Amino acid sequence: MSRYKGNYFEDKESDFLSSNGYVIIDRNYYAGKLGEIDIVAKKDDVYHFIEVMACPGGCLNGGGQPKHELVFG
């Protein structure tokens, strides 16, 4: 995905999260060996690490499907 499209969809997701009570902590956070995390958000004292994906023809065979979140604490 081009950087322009990536920014566009990350902006849309950030707006959606914010309007649903999430606080955006960081975007495009570089996590060393783990790579980049598109959005780090927090709601009700739970941190959410979000990878934004856009599938032009729809996300099939598990691609782009939500992953289970890990909650620590």
Protein backbone atom coordinates (compact mmCIF):
# COMPACT_ATOMS: atom_id res chain seq x y z
CA MET A 1 0.00 0.00 0.00
CA SER A 2 1.36 3.43 -0.83
CA ARG A 3 2.29 5.80 1.99
CA TYR A 4 -0.51 8.15 0.85
CA LYS A 5 -3.14 5.39 1.08
CA GLY A 6 -1.65 4.20 4.36
CA ASN A 7 -1.94 7.67 5.89
CA TYR A 8 -5.47 8.05 4.54
CA PHE A 9 -6.74 4.83 6.12
CA GLU A 10 -4.80 5.42 9.35
CA ASP A 11 -6.44 8.86 9.60
CA LYS A 12 -9.88 7.32 9.08
CA GLU A 13 -9.22 4.64 11.71
CA SER A 14 -7.85 7.19 14.19
CA ASP A 15 -10.97 9.34 13.72
CA PHE A 16 -13.20 6.28 14.21
CA LEU A 17 -11.38 5.25 17.38
CA SER A 18 -11.43 8.79 18.80
CA SER A 19 -15.16 9.11 18.17
CA ASN A 20 -15.67 5.84 20.08
CA GLY A 21 -13.86 6.93 23.22
CA TYR A 22 -10.31 5.82 22.50
CA VAL A 23 -7.37 8.12 23.18
CA ILE A 24 -4.73 7.96 20.44
CA ILE A 25 -1.39 7.61 22.22
CA ASP A 26 0.87 7.37 19.16
CA ARG A 27 0.89 6.65 15.44
CA ASN A 28 3.52 4.85 13.38
CA TYR A 29 5.36 3.86 16.54
CA TYR A 30 8.64 2.13 15.79
CA ALA A 31 8.97 -0.84 18.15
CA GLY A 32 12.50 -1.94 17.25
CA LYS A 33 12.70 -5.59 16.15
CA LEU A 34 8.90 -5.84 16.29
CA GLY A 35 8.54 -3.27 13.51
CA GLU A 36 6.03 -0.45 13.27
CA ILE A 37 2.70 -0.25 15.07
CA ASP A 38 0.24 1.88 13.08
CA ILE A 39 -1.84 3.12 16.01
CA VAL A 40 -1.43 2.83 19.76
CA ALA A 41 -4.68 3.72 21.52
CA LYS A 42 -6.06 3.50 25.04
CA LYS A 43 -9.59 3.07 26.38
CA ASP A 44 -10.66 2.19 29.92
CA ASP A 45 -7.03 1.67 31.01
CA VAL A 46 -6.47 -0.92 28.25
CA TYR A 47 -3.88 -0.30 25.55
CA HIS A 48 -4.70 -1.37 21.99
CA PHE A 49 -2.06 -1.91 19.30
CA ILE A 50 -3.66 -1.54 15.90
CA GLU A 51 -2.43 -2.55 12.45
CA VAL A 52 -4.39 -0.83 9.69
CA MET A 53 -4.86 -2.80 6.47
CA ALA A 54 -6.80 -2.05 3.31
CA CYS A 55 -7.75 -4.88 0.97
CA PRO A 56 -8.82 -3.56 -2.45
CA GLY A 57 -10.94 -6.61 -3.29
CA GLY A 58 -12.00 -7.36 0.25
CA CYS A 59 -10.03 -9.29 2.85
CA LEU A 60 -10.30 -13.00 2.10
CA ASN A 61 -8.79 -16.11 3.67
CA GLY A 62 -8.03 -14.40 6.97
CA GLY A 63 -6.07 -11.47 5.54
CA GLY A 64 -6.86 -8.32 7.44
CA GLN A 65 -9.10 -10.08 9.93
CA PRO A 66 -9.03 -8.83 13.53
CA LYS A 67 -6.59 -10.62 15.80
CA HIS A 68 -7.30 -11.43 19.41
CA GLU A 69 -5.98 -8.78 21.72
CA LEU A 70 -3.67 -9.59 24.58
CA VAL A 71 -4.54 -7.94 27.88
CA PHE A 72 -1.91 -7.77 30.59
CA GLY A 73 -2.52 -6.72 34.16
